[in-house]
Amino acid sequence: MESRIKTGIWVSAFIRRVGADGTAAMVVRKGDTDAGLVLIKTNRLVDPGCMVYSPSRDLDGNRVWSRATGPDPVSEADADAYIARQLSFDPDLWVVEVEDRDGRHFLEEPVTGTI
């Protein structure tokens, strides 16, 4: 079984990793520090240029990420609307935004298809 670290620690490490590359990443919504789910929003700073990634588990229990807003970039308004819907279901949710003109997500785990 994979050990799980607290969400607040994972988010801090993720932001450091992104920042080490000279790319901006910030917490736009802080959720439960122990076990909150994290959505990663990438923003290419063009329209449409946003994607939202949501974590899940594969059949072996390993973390994978899905393109929650579909296979292609969406407008920032559409990405924010998706996040708002998720927040209505899960008030403990974290949202981290990565601003990268190349659209990199910086996730270490595999990104599978869409939800």
C-alpha atoms as a PDB file:
ATOM      1  CA  MET A   1       0.000   0.000   0.000  1.00  0.00           C
ATOM      2  CA  GLU A   2       1.280   3.438  -0.936  1.00  0.00           C
ATOM      3  CA  SER A   3       1.867   5.775   2.007  1.00  0.00           C
ATOM      4  CA  ARG A   4       0.116   9.104   1.721  1.00  0.00           C
ATOM      5  CA  ILE A   5       1.509  12.433   2.749  1.00  0.00           C
ATOM      6  CA  LYS A   6      -0.608  15.288   3.994  1.00  0.00           C
ATOM      7  CA  THR A   7      -2.077  17.414   1.251  1.00  0.00           C
ATOM      8  CA  GLY A   8      -0.536  20.652   2.514  1.00  0.00           C
ATOM      9  CA  ILE A   9       2.948  19.116   2.328  1.00  0.00           C
ATOM     10  CA  TRP A  10       2.299  17.705  -1.169  1.00  0.00           C
ATOM     11  CA  VAL A  11       1.083  21.098  -2.415  1.00  0.00           C
ATOM     12  CA  SER A  12       4.135  22.897  -0.973  1.00  0.00           C
ATOM     13  CA  ALA A  13       6.487  20.406  -2.646  1.00  0.00           C
ATOM     14  CA  PHE A  14       4.617  20.689  -5.964  1.00  0.00           C
ATOM     15  CA  ILE A  15       4.831  24.497  -5.944  1.00  0.00           C
ATOM     16  CA  ARG A  16       8.565  24.296  -5.148  1.00  0.00           C
ATOM     17  CA  ARG A  17       9.146  21.861  -8.017  1.00  0.00           C
ATOM     18  CA  VAL A  18       7.307  24.117 -10.455  1.00  0.00           C
ATOM     19  CA  GLY A  19       9.111  27.207  -9.152  1.00  0.00           C
ATOM     20  CA  ALA A  20      12.512  25.536  -9.490  1.00  0.00           C
ATOM     21  CA  ASP A  21      11.905  25.611 -13.236  1.00  0.00           C
ATOM     22  CA  GLY A  22      11.179  29.350 -13.087  1.00  0.00           C
ATOM     23  CA  THR A  23       7.458  28.824 -13.653  1.00  0.00           C
ATOM     24  CA  ALA A  24       4.760  30.448 -11.539  1.00  0.00           C
ATOM     25  CA  ALA A  25       2.473  28.266  -9.431  1.00  0.00           C
ATOM     26  CA  MET A  26       0.192  29.398  -6.654  1.00  0.00           C
ATOM     27  CA  VAL A  27      -2.507  28.131  -4.344  1.00  0.00           C
ATOM     28  CA  VAL A  28      -5.749  29.785  -5.430  1.00  0.00           C
ATOM     29  CA  ARG A  29      -7.828  27.871  -2.913  1.00  0.00           C
ATOM     30  CA  LYS A  30      -6.619  26.169   0.228  1.00  0.00           C
ATOM     31  CA  GLY A  31      -8.520  23.098   1.339  1.00  0.00           C
ATOM     32  CA  ASP A  32      -8.108  20.569   4.114  1.00  0.00           C
ATOM     33  CA  THR A  33      -4.405  20.422   4.993  1.00  0.00           C
ATOM     34  CA  ASP A  34      -4.475  16.741   5.892  1.00  0.00           C
ATOM     35  CA  ALA A  35      -6.530  15.024   3.209  1.00  0.00           C
ATOM     36  CA  GLY A  36      -8.062  17.523   0.791  1.00  0.00           C
ATOM     37  CA  LEU A  37      -8.239  16.646  -2.898  1.00  0.00           C
ATOM     38  CA  VAL A  38      -6.073  18.807  -5.212  1.00  0.00           C
ATOM     39  CA  LEU A  39      -7.050  20.100  -8.636  1.00  0.00           C
ATOM     40  CA  ILE A  40      -4.242  21.424 -10.830  1.00  0.00           C
ATOM     41  CA  LYS A  41      -5.232  24.177 -13.252  1.00  0.00           C
ATOM     42  CA  THR A  42      -2.737  24.981 -15.983  1.00  0.00           C
ATOM     43  CA  ASN A  43      -3.024  28.336 -17.706  1.00  0.00           C
ATOM     44  CA  ARG A  44      -1.153  29.071 -20.944  1.00  0.00           C
ATOM     45  CA  LEU A  45      -2.204  32.728 -20.620  1.00  0.00           C
ATOM     46  CA  VAL A  46      -4.033  32.623 -23.966  1.00  0.00           C
ATOM     47  CA  ASP A  47      -7.652  31.811 -24.681  1.00  0.00           C
ATOM     48  CA  PRO A  48      -8.502  28.941 -24.801  1.00  0.00           C
ATOM     49  CA  GLY A  49      -5.495  27.840 -22.843  1.00  0.00           C
ATOM     50  CA  CYS A  50      -6.568  26.223 -19.570  1.00  0.00           C
ATOM     51  CA  MET A  51      -6.768  22.611 -18.466  1.00  0.00           C
ATOM     52  CA  VAL A  52      -7.796  21.178 -15.120  1.00  0.00           C
ATOM     53  CA  TYR A  53      -6.266  17.934 -13.866  1.00  0.00           C
ATOM     54  CA  SER A  54      -7.965  15.803 -11.243  1.00  0.00           C
ATOM     55  CA  PRO A  55      -6.380  12.922  -9.316  1.00  0.00           C
ATOM     56  CA  SER A  56      -7.738   9.401  -9.118  1.00  0.00           C
ATOM     57  CA  ARG A  57      -6.428   5.874  -8.594  1.00  0.00           C
ATOM     58  CA  ASP A  58      -5.741   3.209 -11.192  1.00  0.00           C
ATOM     59  CA  LEU A  59      -6.698  -0.437 -10.714  1.00  0.00           C
ATOM     60  CA  ASP A  60      -3.503  -1.064  -8.731  1.00  0.00           C
ATOM     61  CA  GLY A  61      -4.181   1.840  -6.353  1.00  0.00           C
ATOM     62  CA  ASN A  62      -1.548   4.153  -7.837  1.00  0.00           C
ATOM     63  CA  ARG A  63      -2.310   7.836  -8.283  1.00  0.00           C
ATOM     64  CA  VAL A  64      -3.004   8.983 -11.826  1.00  0.00           C
ATOM     65  CA  TRP A  65      -4.340  12.278 -13.155  1.00  0.00           C
ATOM     66  CA  SER A  66      -7.166  12.873 -15.612  1.00  0.00           C
ATOM     67  CA  ARG A  67      -7.857  15.841 -17.860  1.00  0.00           C
ATOM     68  CA  ALA A  68     -11.031  16.892 -16.079  1.00  0.00           C
ATOM     69  CA  THR A  69     -12.018  19.552 -18.609  1.00  0.00           C
ATOM     70  CA  GLY A  70     -11.492  17.322 -21.641  1.00  0.00           C
ATOM     71  CA  PRO A  71      -8.670  16.546 -24.049  1.00  0.00           C
ATOM     72  CA  ASP A  72      -8.270  20.107 -25.377  1.00  0.00           C
ATOM     73  CA  PRO A  73      -7.647  23.423 -23.633  1.00  0.00           C
ATOM     74  CA  VAL A  74     -10.728  25.383 -22.547  1.00  0.00           C
ATOM     75  CA  SER A  75     -11.304  29.042 -21.724  1.00  0.00           C
ATOM     76  CA  GLU A  76     -10.384  30.236 -18.258  1.00  0.00           C
ATOM     77  CA  ALA A  77     -14.088  30.835 -17.573  1.00  0.00           C
ATOM     78  CA  ASP A  78     -14.880  27.191 -18.423  1.00  0.00           C
ATOM     79  CA  ALA A  79     -12.011  25.930 -16.251  1.00  0.00           C
ATOM     80  CA  ASP A  80     -13.146  28.108 -13.347  1.00  0.00           C
ATOM     81  CA  ALA A  81     -16.765  26.946 -13.798  1.00  0.00           C
ATOM     82  CA  TYR A  82     -15.619  23.316 -13.578  1.00  0.00           C
ATOM     83  CA  ILE A  83     -13.668  24.100 -10.404  1.00  0.00           C
ATOM     84  CA  ALA A  84     -16.678  25.914  -8.896  1.00  0.00           C
ATOM     85  CA  ARG A  85     -18.876  22.856  -9.539  1.00  0.00           C
ATOM     86  CA  GLN A  86     -16.335  20.617  -7.830  1.00  0.00           C
ATOM     87  CA  LEU A  87     -16.152  22.983  -4.856  1.00  0.00           C
ATOM     88  CA  SER A  88     -19.913  22.700  -4.422  1.00  0.00           C
ATOM     89  CA  PHE A  89     -19.407  18.932  -3.872  1.00  0.00           C
ATOM     90  CA  ASP A  90     -16.148  19.080  -1.921  1.00  0.00           C
ATOM     91  CA  PRO A  91     -15.464  22.100   0.317  1.00  0.00           C
ATOM     92  CA  ASP A  92     -12.084  20.606   1.357  1.00  0.00           C
ATOM     93  CA  LEU A  93     -10.742  20.930  -2.196  1.00  0.00           C
ATOM     94  CA  TRP A  94      -7.418  22.604  -3.005  1.00  0.00           C
ATOM     95  CA  VAL A  95      -6.825  24.431  -6.294  1.00  0.00           C
ATOM     96  CA  VAL A  96      -3.291  25.091  -7.545  1.00  0.00           C
ATOM     97  CA  GLU A  97      -2.758  27.146 -10.700  1.00  0.00           C
ATOM     98  CA  VAL A  98       0.333  26.781 -12.877  1.00  0.00           C
ATOM     99  CA  GLU A  99       0.996  29.605 -15.345  1.00  0.00           C
ATOM    100  CA  ASP A 100       3.089  28.213 -18.166  1.00  0.00           C
ATOM    101  CA  ARG A 101       2.925  29.328 -21.800  1.00  0.00           C
ATOM    102  CA  ASP A 102       3.832  25.774 -22.882  1.00  0.00           C
ATOM    103  CA  GLY A 103       0.947  24.308 -20.873  1.00  0.00           C
ATOM    104  CA  ARG A 104       3.139  21.990 -18.786  1.00  0.00           C
ATOM    105  CA  HIS A 105       1.427  20.461 -15.765  1.00  0.00           C
ATOM    106  CA  PHE A 106       4.577  19.351 -13.863  1.00  0.00           C
ATOM    107  CA  LEU A 107       2.796  16.269 -12.508  1.00  0.00           C
ATOM    108  CA  GLU A 108       5.053  13.299 -11.822  1.00  0.00           C
ATOM    109  CA  GLU A 109       2.333  10.659 -11.944  1.00  0.00           C
ATOM    110  CA  PRO A 110       0.832   9.537 -15.263  1.00  0.00           C
ATOM    111  CA  VAL A 111      -1.862  11.631 -16.916  1.00  0.00           C
ATOM    112  CA  THR A 112      -4.488   9.324 -18.358  1.00  0.00           C
ATOM    113  CA  GLY A 113      -7.450  10.341 -20.505  1.00  0.00           C
ATOM    114  CA  THR A 114     -10.366  12.492 -19.540  1.00  0.00           C
ATOM    115  CA  ILE A 115     -12.964  12.023 -16.841  1.00  0.00           C
END
